Amino acid sequence: MLKRSYARVSIMLNIVALAIFIILFFMPSNNTLWQCCIWIAWSMVVISLVIRFKYFKCPSCGKGDAMPQWLKSGNKHCKKCGKPFEYDR
């Protein structure tokens, strides 16, 4: 069974990283704060990918890649075995 808390953390990391990237688009790129923020945003994306590829495999076959879902469960299926992904809550 997939954990909904990991899915929510992954989604929130991606949203915050996207917001940082959008804000940085309008900032001048020649200061240290800009460089720190870009590194923080990229590390959020990498952490989100690590969470996704480590914790979102198919519970039955272990090979499929589940998309992190905030609320709904059961509408996505594994491409390898065809069983639906089930979350804990």
Protein backbone atom coordinates (compact mmCIF):
# COMPACT_ATOMS: atom_id res chain seq x y z
CA MET A 1 0.00 0.00 0.00
CA LEU A 2 1.34 3.42 -0.95
CA LYS A 3 1.60 6.14 1.70
CA ARG A 4 -0.47 9.25 1.09
CA SER A 5 1.86 11.34 3.31
CA TYR A 6 4.81 10.70 0.97
CA ALA A 7 2.65 11.65 -1.98
CA ARG A 8 1.67 14.93 -0.35
CA VAL A 9 5.28 15.77 0.57
CA SER A 10 6.36 15.09 -3.01
CA ILE A 11 3.58 17.26 -4.44
CA MET A 12 4.28 20.13 -2.02
CA LEU A 13 8.02 20.06 -2.77
CA ASN A 14 7.26 20.38 -6.48
CA ILE A 15 4.81 23.25 -5.92
CA VAL A 16 7.22 25.20 -3.72
CA ALA A 17 10.09 24.63 -6.16
CA LEU A 18 7.93 25.85 -9.05
CA ALA A 19 6.98 28.97 -7.07
CA ILE A 20 10.66 29.67 -6.37
CA PHE A 21 11.52 29.25 -10.05
CA ILE A 22 8.74 31.67 -11.05
CA ILE A 23 9.87 34.25 -8.48
CA LEU A 24 13.50 33.88 -9.59
CA PHE A 25 12.50 34.55 -13.18
CA PHE A 26 11.69 38.14 -12.22
CA MET A 27 14.73 38.71 -9.98
CA PRO A 28 18.15 39.89 -11.20
CA SER A 29 20.49 36.93 -11.50
CA ASN A 30 23.71 38.52 -10.35
CA ASN A 31 23.38 38.21 -6.58
CA THR A 32 24.10 35.48 -4.06
CA LEU A 33 20.49 35.22 -2.89
CA TRP A 34 19.42 34.24 -6.39
CA GLN A 35 22.04 31.50 -6.54
CA CYS A 36 21.05 30.13 -3.11
CA CYS A 37 17.38 30.08 -4.09
CA ILE A 38 18.08 28.29 -7.36
CA TRP A 39 20.07 25.61 -5.52
CA ILE A 40 17.29 25.20 -2.96
CA ALA A 41 14.67 24.86 -5.69
CA TRP A 42 16.71 22.28 -7.62
CA SER A 43 17.35 20.28 -4.46
CA MET A 44 13.60 20.27 -3.76
CA VAL A 45 12.98 18.84 -7.22
CA VAL A 46 15.66 16.17 -6.72
CA ILE A 47 14.30 15.20 -3.28
CA SER A 48 10.82 14.96 -4.77
CA LEU A 49 12.10 12.64 -7.51
CA VAL A 50 13.94 10.48 -4.99
CA ILE A 51 10.75 10.14 -2.93
CA ARG A 52 8.76 9.30 -6.02
CA PHE A 53 11.11 6.63 -7.38
CA LYS A 54 11.77 5.07 -3.98
CA TYR A 55 8.28 4.96 -2.47
CA PHE A 56 5.88 4.88 -5.43
CA LYS A 57 6.34 1.47 -6.97
CA CYS A 58 3.49 -0.94 -7.57
CA PRO A 59 2.64 -2.81 -4.34
CA SER A 60 1.86 -6.02 -6.22
CA CYS A 61 4.63 -6.37 -8.80
CA GLY A 62 7.15 -3.74 -7.62
CA LYS A 63 7.91 -2.54 -11.13
CA GLY A 64 5.28 0.03 -12.04
CA ASP A 65 5.61 3.74 -11.32
CA ALA A 66 2.68 5.32 -9.46
CA MET A 67 1.90 9.01 -9.71
CA PRO A 68 1.65 10.75 -6.32
CA GLN A 69 -2.03 11.52 -5.67
CA TRP A 70 -3.30 13.95 -3.05
CA LEU A 71 -6.82 12.59 -2.49
CA LYS A 72 -8.23 10.04 -4.93
CA SER A 73 -7.11 6.47 -5.12
CA GLY A 74 -7.83 3.59 -7.47
CA ASN A 75 -8.14 5.44 -10.77
CA LYS A 76 -4.52 4.84 -11.88
CA HIS A 77 -3.30 1.37 -12.79
CA CYS A 78 0.11 -0.28 -13.04
CA LYS A 79 1.38 -0.54 -16.60
CA LYS A 80 3.08 -3.87 -15.88
CA CYS A 81 0.45 -5.90 -13.96
CA GLY A 82 -2.73 -3.82 -14.46
CA LYS A 83 -3.73 -3.62 -10.79
CA PRO A 84 -4.85 -0.26 -9.35
CA PHE A 85 -2.55 1.68 -7.04
CA GLU A 86 -3.98 1.78 -3.51
CA TYR A 87 -3.07 4.42 -0.94
CA ASP A 88 -3.35 4.10 2.85
CA ARG A 89 -5.90 6.90 3.44
